[in-house]
C-alpha cells in the first residue's frame, strides 16, 4: 500500500483496520489460499482496467510516521495516567 498498490490480505487481527476491502485492496478469509490466489488475479485484472488511485492517499493520511507516533504517544499517556491513578 505504501507503494500505491492495492494488497490482498487475510481478514484477521488488525488487518481489516488497515485494508479497506474493495477500496485499497481485498480481504480474504484467513487461511484460504485459494481465495488469496483469486484475489491477486482479480487485482491484476482490475488494475489493468481501472487502476486504484486512493491506496497511497490512505497510507499517507492514516499510517505516516507522524500519525503512528501520535498513536503511540496517546497510548503512553493513557498508561501513565492509569499508573498515576493506581499508584
PDB file of N, CA and C in Angstrom:
ATOM      1  N   UNK A   1       0.820  -1.185   0.000  1.00  0.00           N
ATOM      2  CA  UNK A   1       0.000   0.000   0.000  1.00  0.00           C
ATOM      3  C   UNK A   1       0.868   1.256   0.000  1.00  0.00           C
ATOM      4  N   UNK A   2       2.009   1.202   0.684  1.00  0.00           N
ATOM      5  CA  UNK A   2       2.892   2.363   0.729  1.00  0.00           C
ATOM      6  C   UNK A   2       3.430   2.715  -0.655  1.00  0.00           C
ATOM      7  N   UNK A   3       3.421   1.763  -1.557  1.00  0.00           N
ATOM      8  CA  UNK A   3       3.867   1.999  -2.936  1.00  0.00           C
ATOM      9  C   UNK A   3       2.704   2.376  -3.847  1.00  0.00           C
ATOM     10  N   UNK A   4       1.521   2.573  -3.256  1.00  0.00           N
ATOM     11  CA  UNK A   4       0.364   2.972  -4.046  1.00  0.00           C
ATOM     12  C   UNK A   4      -0.316   1.823  -4.767  1.00  0.00           C
ATOM     13  N   UNK A   5      -0.073   0.615  -4.305  1.00  0.00           N
ATOM     14  CA  UNK A   5      -0.669  -0.561  -4.932  1.00  0.00           C
ATOM     15  C   UNK A   5      -1.619  -1.240  -3.961  1.00  0.00           C
ATOM     16  N   UNK A   6      -2.733  -1.732  -4.447  1.00  0.00           N
ATOM     17  CA  UNK A   6      -3.649  -2.460  -3.566  1.00  0.00           C
ATOM     18  C   UNK A   6      -3.022  -3.783  -3.131  1.00  0.00           C
ATOM     19  N   UNK A   7      -3.514  -4.308  -2.032  1.00  0.00           N
ATOM     20  CA  UNK A   7      -2.982  -5.551  -1.485  1.00  0.00           C
ATOM     21  C   UNK A   7      -4.094  -6.578  -1.327  1.00  0.00           C
ATOM     22  N   UNK A   8      -3.689  -7.817  -1.211  1.00  0.00           N
ATOM     23  CA  UNK A   8      -4.607  -8.891  -0.848  1.00  0.00           C
ATOM     24  C   UNK A   8      -4.118  -9.386   0.505  1.00  0.00           C
ATOM     25  N   UNK A   9      -5.019  -9.424   1.474  1.00  0.00           N
ATOM     26  CA  UNK A   9      -4.609  -9.801   2.822  1.00  0.00           C
ATOM     27  C   UNK A   9      -5.680 -10.639   3.488  1.00  0.00           C
ATOM     28  N   UNK A  10      -5.229 -11.446   4.423  1.00  0.00           N
ATOM     29  CA  UNK A  10      -6.183 -12.223   5.222  1.00  0.00           C
ATOM     30  C   UNK A  10      -6.930 -11.285   6.169  1.00  0.00           C
ATOM     31  N   UNK A  11      -8.193 -11.533   6.341  1.00  0.00           N
ATOM     32  CA  UNK A  11      -9.040 -10.726   7.201  1.00  0.00           C
ATOM     33  C   UNK A  11      -8.924 -11.221   8.642  1.00  0.00           C
ATOM     34  N   UNK A  12      -7.836 -10.831   9.290  1.00  0.00           N
ATOM     35  CA  UNK A  12      -7.628 -11.246  10.668  1.00  0.00           C
ATOM     36  C   UNK A  12      -6.847 -10.179  11.418  1.00  0.00           C
ATOM     37  N   UNK A  13      -6.898 -10.237  12.732  1.00  0.00           N
ATOM     38  CA  UNK A  13      -6.165  -9.281  13.549  1.00  0.00           C
ATOM     39  C   UNK A  13      -6.518  -7.851  13.214  1.00  0.00           C
ATOM     40  N   UNK A  14      -5.517  -7.019  13.102  1.00  0.00           N
ATOM     41  CA  UNK A  14      -5.727  -5.608  12.823  1.00  0.00           C
ATOM     42  C   UNK A  14      -5.785  -5.260  11.351  1.00  0.00           C
ATOM     43  N   UNK A  15      -5.611  -6.253  10.499  1.00  0.00           N
ATOM     44  CA  UNK A  15      -5.567  -6.003   9.050  1.00  0.00           C
ATOM     45  C   UNK A  15      -6.828  -5.311   8.525  1.00  0.00           C
ATOM     46  N   UNK A  16      -8.049  -5.714   8.935  1.00  0.00           N
ATOM     47  CA  UNK A  16      -9.227  -5.011   8.419  1.00  0.00           C
ATOM     48  C   UNK A  16      -9.273  -3.519   8.791  1.00  0.00           C
ATOM     49  N   UNK A  17      -8.514  -3.107   9.784  1.00  0.00           N
ATOM     50  CA  UNK A  17      -8.428  -1.695  10.118  1.00  0.00           C
ATOM     51  C   UNK A  17      -7.466  -0.933   9.230  1.00  0.00           C
ATOM     52  N   UNK A  18      -6.691  -1.652   8.462  1.00  0.00           N
ATOM     53  CA  UNK A  18      -5.708  -1.035   7.567  1.00  0.00           C
ATOM     54  C   UNK A  18      -6.173  -1.114   6.116  1.00  0.00           C
ATOM     55  N   UNK A  19      -6.570  -2.294   5.696  1.00  0.00           N
ATOM     56  CA  UNK A  19      -7.011  -2.513   4.314  1.00  0.00           C
ATOM     57  C   UNK A  19      -8.527  -2.344   4.238  1.00  0.00           C
ATOM     58  N   UNK A  20      -8.979  -1.425   3.399  1.00  0.00           N
ATOM     59  CA  UNK A  20     -10.411  -1.239   3.179  1.00  0.00           C
ATOM     60  C   UNK A  20     -10.800  -2.119   1.997  1.00  0.00           C
ATOM     61  N   UNK A  21     -11.612  -3.142   2.279  1.00  0.00           N
ATOM     62  CA  UNK A  21     -11.974  -4.108   1.252  1.00  0.00           C
ATOM     63  C   UNK A  21     -12.616  -3.436   0.046  1.00  0.00           C
ATOM     64  N   UNK A  22     -12.146  -3.812  -1.126  1.00  0.00           N
ATOM     65  CA  UNK A  22     -12.624  -3.287  -2.417  1.00  0.00           C
ATOM     66  C   UNK A  22     -12.258  -1.817  -2.644  1.00  0.00           C
ATOM     67  N   UNK A  23     -11.485  -1.230  -1.739  1.00  0.00           N
ATOM     68  CA  UNK A  23     -11.077   0.162  -1.921  1.00  0.00           C
ATOM     69  C   UNK A  23      -9.553   0.278  -1.989  1.00  0.00           C
ATOM     70  N   UNK A  24      -8.874  -0.272  -0.995  1.00  0.00           N
ATOM     71  CA  UNK A  24      -7.408  -0.222  -1.008  1.00  0.00           C
ATOM     72  C   UNK A  24      -6.818  -1.617  -1.148  1.00  0.00           C
ATOM     73  N   UNK A  25      -7.661  -2.565  -1.362  1.00  0.00           N
ATOM     74  CA  UNK A  25      -7.222  -3.938  -1.521  1.00  0.00           C
ATOM     75  C   UNK A  25      -8.375  -4.893  -1.313  1.00  0.00           C
ATOM     76  N   UNK A  26      -8.041  -6.139  -1.128  1.00  0.00           N
ATOM     77  CA  UNK A  26      -9.049  -7.167  -0.913  1.00  0.00           C
ATOM     78  C   UNK A  26      -8.748  -7.924   0.367  1.00  0.00           C
ATOM     79  N   UNK A  27      -9.785  -8.201   1.128  1.00  0.00           N
ATOM     80  CA  UNK A  27      -9.656  -9.030   2.316  1.00  0.00           C
ATOM     81  C   UNK A  27     -10.241 -10.395   1.998  1.00  0.00           C
ATOM     82  N   UNK A  28      -9.523 -11.433   2.343  1.00  0.00           N
ATOM     83  CA  UNK A  28      -9.985 -12.804   2.092  1.00  0.00           C
ATOM     84  C   UNK A  28      -9.995 -13.570   3.412  1.00  0.00           C
ATOM     85  N   UNK A  29     -10.784 -14.648   3.484  1.00  0.00           N
ATOM     86  CA  UNK A  29     -10.848 -15.425   4.719  1.00  0.00           C
ATOM     87  C   UNK A  29      -9.476 -15.957   5.126  1.00  0.00           C
ATOM     88  N   UNK A  30      -9.191 -15.861   6.398  1.00  0.00           N
ATOM     89  CA  UNK A  30      -7.906 -16.307   6.932  1.00  0.00           C
ATOM     90  C   UNK A  30      -7.643 -17.769   6.606  1.00  0.00           C
ATOM     91  N   UNK A  31      -6.466 -18.021   6.056  1.00  0.00           N
ATOM     92  CA  UNK A  31      -6.049 -19.377   5.745  1.00  0.00           C
ATOM     93  C   UNK A  31      -6.561 -19.924   4.428  1.00  0.00           C
ATOM     94  N   UNK A  32      -7.390 -19.180   3.723  1.00  0.00           N
ATOM     95  CA  UNK A  32      -7.966 -19.647   2.464  1.00  0.00           C
ATOM     96  C   UNK A  32      -7.031 -19.277   1.308  1.00  0.00           C
ATOM     97  N   UNK A  33      -6.121 -20.176   0.987  1.00  0.00           N
ATOM     98  CA  UNK A  33      -5.111 -19.918  -0.037  1.00  0.00           C
ATOM     99  C   UNK A  33      -5.760 -19.724  -1.404  1.00  0.00           C
ATOM    100  N   UNK A  34      -6.800 -20.487  -1.707  1.00  0.00           N
ATOM    101  CA  UNK A  34      -7.498 -20.359  -2.987  1.00  0.00           C
ATOM    102  C   UNK A  34      -8.045 -18.928  -3.153  1.00  0.00           C
ATOM    103  N   UNK A  35      -8.656 -18.394  -2.109  1.00  0.00           N
ATOM    104  CA  UNK A  35      -9.180 -17.018  -2.173  1.00  0.00           C
ATOM    105  C   UNK A  35      -8.054 -16.007  -2.315  1.00  0.00           C
ATOM    106  N   UNK A  36      -6.925 -16.280  -1.691  1.00  0.00           N
ATOM    107  CA  UNK A  36      -5.773 -15.397  -1.790  1.00  0.00           C
ATOM    108  C   UNK A  36      -5.287 -15.320  -3.242  1.00  0.00           C
ATOM    109  N   UNK A  37      -5.170 -16.469  -3.885  1.00  0.00           N
ATOM    110  CA  UNK A  37      -4.744 -16.521  -5.281  1.00  0.00           C
ATOM    111  C   UNK A  37      -5.765 -15.823  -6.174  1.00  0.00           C
ATOM    112  N   UNK A  38      -7.039 -16.100  -5.968  1.00  0.00           N
ATOM    113  CA  UNK A  38      -8.082 -15.437  -6.765  1.00  0.00           C
ATOM    114  C   UNK A  38      -8.041 -13.928  -6.576  1.00  0.00           C
ATOM    115  N   UNK A  39      -7.773 -13.492  -5.344  1.00  0.00           N
ATOM    116  CA  UNK A  39      -7.689 -12.064  -5.071  1.00  0.00           C
ATOM    117  C   UNK A  39      -6.567 -11.395  -5.838  1.00  0.00           C
ATOM    118  N   UNK A  40      -5.417 -12.032  -5.867  1.00  0.00           N
ATOM    119  CA  UNK A  40      -4.279 -11.480  -6.615  1.00  0.00           C
ATOM    120  C   UNK A  40      -4.619 -11.405  -8.103  1.00  0.00           C
ATOM    121  N   UNK A  41      -5.205 -12.467  -8.638  1.00  0.00           N
ATOM    122  CA  UNK A  41      -5.591 -12.470 -10.054  1.00  0.00           C
ATOM    123  C   UNK A  41      -6.609 -11.365 -10.342  1.00  0.00           C
ATOM    124  N   UNK A  42      -7.564 -11.198  -9.447  1.00  0.00           N
ATOM    125  CA  UNK A  42      -8.587 -10.164  -9.617  1.00  0.00           C
ATOM    126  C   UNK A  42      -7.951  -8.769  -9.626  1.00  0.00           C
ATOM    127  N   UNK A  43      -7.037  -8.532  -8.697  1.00  0.00           N
ATOM    128  CA  UNK A  43      -6.395  -7.214  -8.644  1.00  0.00           C
ATOM    129  C   UNK A  43      -5.588  -6.928  -9.901  1.00  0.00           C
ATOM    130  N   UNK A  44      -4.899  -7.930 -10.406  1.00  0.00           N
ATOM    131  CA  UNK A  44      -4.123  -7.737 -11.631  1.00  0.00           C
ATOM    132  C   UNK A  44      -5.044  -7.311 -12.773  1.00  0.00           C
ATOM    133  N   UNK A  45      -6.171  -7.974 -12.912  1.00  0.00           N
ATOM    134  CA  UNK A  45      -7.114  -7.634 -13.987  1.00  0.00           C
ATOM    135  C   UNK A  45      -7.751  -6.271 -13.753  1.00  0.00           C
ATOM    136  N   UNK A  46      -8.161  -5.992 -12.535  1.00  0.00           N
ATOM    137  CA  UNK A  46      -8.830  -4.729 -12.235  1.00  0.00           C
ATOM    138  C   UNK A  46      -7.877  -3.549 -12.414  1.00  0.00           C
ATOM    139  N   UNK A  47      -6.622  -3.728 -12.006  1.00  0.00           N
ATOM    140  CA  UNK A  47      -5.658  -2.638 -12.169  1.00  0.00           C
ATOM    141  C   UNK A  47      -5.438  -2.324 -13.642  1.00  0.00           C
ATOM    142  N   UNK A  48      -5.494  -3.346 -14.476  1.00  0.00           N
ATOM    143  CA  UNK A  48      -5.346  -3.110 -15.916  1.00  0.00           C
ATOM    144  C   UNK A  48      -6.527  -2.305 -16.449  1.00  0.00           C
ATOM    145  N   UNK A  49      -7.707  -2.514 -15.855  1.00  0.00           N
ATOM    146  CA  UNK A  49      -8.912  -1.857 -16.356  1.00  0.00           C
ATOM    147  C   UNK A  49      -9.144  -0.476 -15.760  1.00  0.00           C
ATOM    148  N   UNK A  50      -8.942  -0.325 -14.446  1.00  0.00           N
ATOM    149  CA  UNK A  50      -9.335   0.922 -13.798  1.00  0.00           C
ATOM    150  C   UNK A  50      -8.252   1.606 -12.990  1.00  0.00           C
ATOM    151  N   UNK A  51      -7.312   0.870 -12.459  1.00  0.00           N
ATOM    152  CA  UNK A  51      -6.335   1.454 -11.543  1.00  0.00           C
ATOM    153  C   UNK A  51      -6.951   1.650 -10.167  1.00  0.00           C
ATOM    154  N   UNK A  52      -6.121   1.963  -9.211  1.00  0.00           N
ATOM    155  CA  UNK A  52      -6.584   2.172  -7.833  1.00  0.00           C
ATOM    156  C   UNK A  52      -5.887   3.427  -7.320  1.00  0.00           C
ATOM    157  N   UNK A  53      -6.557   4.553  -7.354  1.00  0.00           N
ATOM    158  CA  UNK A  53      -5.921   5.814  -7.010  1.00  0.00           C
ATOM    159  C   UNK A  53      -5.842   6.153  -5.535  1.00  0.00           C
ATOM    160  N   UNK A  54      -6.657   5.553  -4.687  1.00  0.00           N
ATOM    161  CA  UNK A  54      -6.748   6.009  -3.296  1.00  0.00           C
ATOM    162  C   UNK A  54      -5.848   5.240  -2.330  1.00  0.00           C
ATOM    163  N   UNK A  55      -5.135   4.274  -2.801  1.00  0.00           N
ATOM    164  CA  UNK A  55      -4.334   3.433  -1.912  1.00  0.00           C
ATOM    165  C   UNK A  55      -3.272   4.270  -1.202  1.00  0.00           C
ATOM    166  N   UNK A  56      -2.481   4.977  -1.943  1.00  0.00           N
ATOM    167  CA  UNK A  56      -1.399   5.783  -1.359  1.00  0.00           C
ATOM    168  C   UNK A  56      -1.957   6.889  -0.463  1.00  0.00           C
ATOM    169  N   UNK A  57      -3.079   7.486  -0.848  1.00  0.00           N
ATOM    170  CA  UNK A  57      -3.701   8.532  -0.032  1.00  0.00           C
ATOM    171  C   UNK A  57      -4.028   8.019   1.369  1.00  0.00           C
ATOM    172  N   UNK A  58      -4.559   6.803   1.466  1.00  0.00           N
ATOM    173  CA  UNK A  58      -4.915   6.241   2.772  1.00  0.00           C
ATOM    174  C   UNK A  58      -3.670   6.026   3.625  1.00  0.00           C
ATOM    175  N   UNK A  59      -2.622   5.532   3.023  1.00  0.00           N
ATOM    176  CA  UNK A  59      -1.378   5.319   3.766  1.00  0.00           C
ATOM    177  C   UNK A  59      -0.859   6.651   4.300  1.00  0.00           C
ATOM    178  N   UNK A  60      -0.826   7.653   3.447  1.00  0.00           N
ATOM    179  CA  UNK A  60      -0.304   8.953   3.867  1.00  0.00           C
ATOM    180  C   UNK A  60      -1.175   9.605   4.935  1.00  0.00           C
ATOM    181  N   UNK A  61      -2.480   9.400   4.860  1.00  0.00           N
ATOM    182  CA  UNK A  61      -3.402  10.035   5.804  1.00  0.00           C
ATOM    183  C   UNK A  61      -3.382   9.366   7.181  1.00  0.00           C
ATOM    184  N   UNK A  62      -3.350   8.034   7.212  1.00  0.00           N
ATOM    185  CA  UNK A  62      -3.519   7.327   8.478  1.00  0.00           C
ATOM    186  C   UNK A  62      -2.277   6.613   9.004  1.00  0.00           C
ATOM    187  N   UNK A  63      -1.307   6.334   8.160  1.00  0.00           N
ATOM    188  CA  UNK A  63      -0.203   5.481   8.584  1.00  0.00           C
ATOM    189  C   UNK A  63       1.178   6.079   8.360  1.00  0.00           C
ATOM    190  N   UNK A  64       1.255   7.401   8.211  1.00  0.00           N
ATOM    191  CA  UNK A  64       2.571   8.041   8.083  1.00  0.00           C
ATOM    192  C   UNK A  64       3.262   8.024   9.445  1.00  0.00           C
ATOM    193  N   UNK A  65       4.530   8.301   9.461  1.00  0.00           N
ATOM    194  CA  UNK A  65       5.317   8.265  10.693  1.00  0.00           C
ATOM    195  C   UNK A  65       4.717   9.178  11.763  1.00  0.00           C
ATOM    196  N   UNK A  66       4.297  10.364  11.372  1.00  0.00           N
ATOM    197  CA  UNK A  66       3.719  11.316  12.332  1.00  0.00           C
ATOM    198  C   UNK A  66       2.469  10.736  13.004  1.00  0.00           C
ATOM    199  N   UNK A  67       1.579  10.145  12.219  1.00  0.00           N
ATOM    200  CA  UNK A  67       0.351   9.548  12.774  1.00  0.00           C
ATOM    201  C   UNK A  67       0.665   8.377  13.683  1.00  0.00           C
ATOM    202  N   UNK A  68       1.607   7.566  13.285  1.00  0.00           N
ATOM    203  CA  UNK A  68       1.980   6.415  14.102  1.00  0.00           C
ATOM    204  C   UNK A  68       2.558   6.886  15.439  1.00  0.00           C
ATOM    205  N   UNK A  69       3.412   7.896  15.404  1.00  0.00           N
ATOM    206  CA  UNK A  69       3.990   8.429  16.649  1.00  0.00           C
ATOM    207  C   UNK A  69       2.912   9.040  17.540  1.00  0.00           C
ATOM    208  N   UNK A  70       1.965   9.754  16.936  1.00  0.00           N
ATOM    209  CA  UNK A  70       0.858  10.320  17.715  1.00  0.00           C
ATOM    210  C   UNK A  70       0.082   9.206  18.425  1.00  0.00           C
ATOM    211  N   UNK A  71      -0.177   8.122  17.707  1.00  0.00           N
ATOM    212  CA  UNK A  71      -0.890   6.996  18.289  1.00  0.00           C
ATOM    213  C   UNK A  71      -0.134   6.382  19.452  1.00  0.00           C
ATOM    214  N   UNK A  72       1.170   6.205  19.287  1.00  0.00           N
ATOM    215  CA  UNK A  72       1.986   5.660  20.383  1.00  0.00           C
ATOM    216  C   UNK A  72       2.006   6.592  21.576  1.00  0.00           C
ATOM    217  N   UNK A  73       2.104   7.898  21.323  1.00  0.00           N
ATOM    218  CA  UNK A  73       2.112   8.860  22.427  1.00  0.00           C
ATOM    219  C   UNK A  73       0.780   8.842  23.183  1.00  0.00           C
ATOM    220  N   UNK A  74      -0.326   8.709  22.469  1.00  0.00           N
ATOM    221  CA  UNK A  74      -1.634   8.605  23.126  1.00  0.00           C
ATOM    222  C   UNK A  74      -1.677   7.392  24.049  1.00  0.00           C
ATOM    223  N   UNK A  75      -1.175   6.283  23.574  1.00  0.00           N
ATOM    224  CA  UNK A  75      -1.161   5.061  24.390  1.00  0.00           C
ATOM    225  C   UNK A  75      -0.279   5.247  25.619  1.00  0.00           C
ATOM    226  N   UNK A  76       0.895   5.826  25.438  1.00  0.00           N
ATOM    227  CA  UNK A  76       1.817   6.048  26.545  1.00  0.00           C
ATOM    228  C   UNK A  76       1.191   6.979  27.588  1.00  0.00           C
ATOM    229  N   UNK A  77       0.519   8.039  27.115  1.00  0.00           N
ATOM    230  CA  UNK A  77      -0.128   8.970  28.040  1.00  0.00           C
ATOM    231  C   UNK A  77      -1.251   8.287  28.823  1.00  0.00           C
ATOM    232  N   UNK A  78      -2.021   7.423  28.171  1.00  0.00           N
ATOM    233  CA  UNK A  78      -3.095   6.700  28.869  1.00  0.00           C
ATOM    234  C   UNK A  78      -2.523   5.743  29.909  1.00  0.00           C
ATOM    235  N   UNK A  79      -1.442   5.081  29.585  1.00  0.00           N
ATOM    236  CA  UNK A  79      -0.801   4.181  30.544  1.00  0.00           C
ATOM    237  C   UNK A  79      -0.274   4.976  31.733  1.00  0.00           C
ATOM    238  N   UNK A  80       0.369   6.108  31.448  1.00  0.00           N
ATOM    239  CA  UNK A  80       0.901   6.934  32.522  1.00  0.00           C
ATOM    240  C   UNK A  80      -0.213   7.435  33.434  1.00  0.00           C
ATOM    241  N   UNK A  81      -1.326   7.816  32.857  1.00  0.00           N
ATOM    242  CA  UNK A  81      -2.477   8.270  33.658  1.00  0.00           C
ATOM    243  C   UNK A  81      -3.012   7.137  34.529  1.00  0.00           C
ATOM    244  N   UNK A  82      -3.116   5.947  33.988  1.00  0.00           N
ATOM    245  CA  UNK A  82      -3.561   4.790  34.770  1.00  0.00           C
ATOM    246  C   UNK A  82      -2.606   4.513  35.931  1.00  0.00           C
ATOM    247  N   UNK A  83      -1.323   4.626  35.678  1.00  0.00           N
ATOM    248  CA  UNK A  83      -0.335   4.394  36.731  1.00  0.00           C
ATOM    249  C   UNK A  83      -0.425   5.459  37.823  1.00  0.00           C
ATOM    250  N   UNK A  84      -0.731   6.706  37.442  1.00  0.00           N
ATOM    251  CA  UNK A  84      -0.900   7.773  38.439  1.00  0.00           C
ATOM    252  C   UNK A  84      -2.121   7.495  39.315  1.00  0.00           C
ATOM    253  N   UNK A  85      -3.200   7.022  38.702  1.00  0.00           N
ATOM    254  CA  UNK A  85      -4.436   6.716  39.442  1.00  0.00           C
ATOM    255  C   UNK A  85      -4.202   5.547  40.391  1.00  0.00           C
ATOM    256  N   UNK A  86      -3.518   4.527  39.920  1.00  0.00           N
ATOM    257  CA  UNK A  86      -3.274   3.336  40.728  1.00  0.00           C
ATOM    258  C   UNK A  86      -2.277   3.627  41.836  1.00  0.00           C
ATOM    259  N   UNK A  87      -1.235   4.347  41.465  1.00  0.00           N
ATOM    260  CA  UNK A  87      -0.087   4.447  42.327  1.00  0.00           C
ATOM    261  C   UNK A  87      -0.041   5.494  43.323  1.00  0.00           C
TER     262      UNK A  87
END
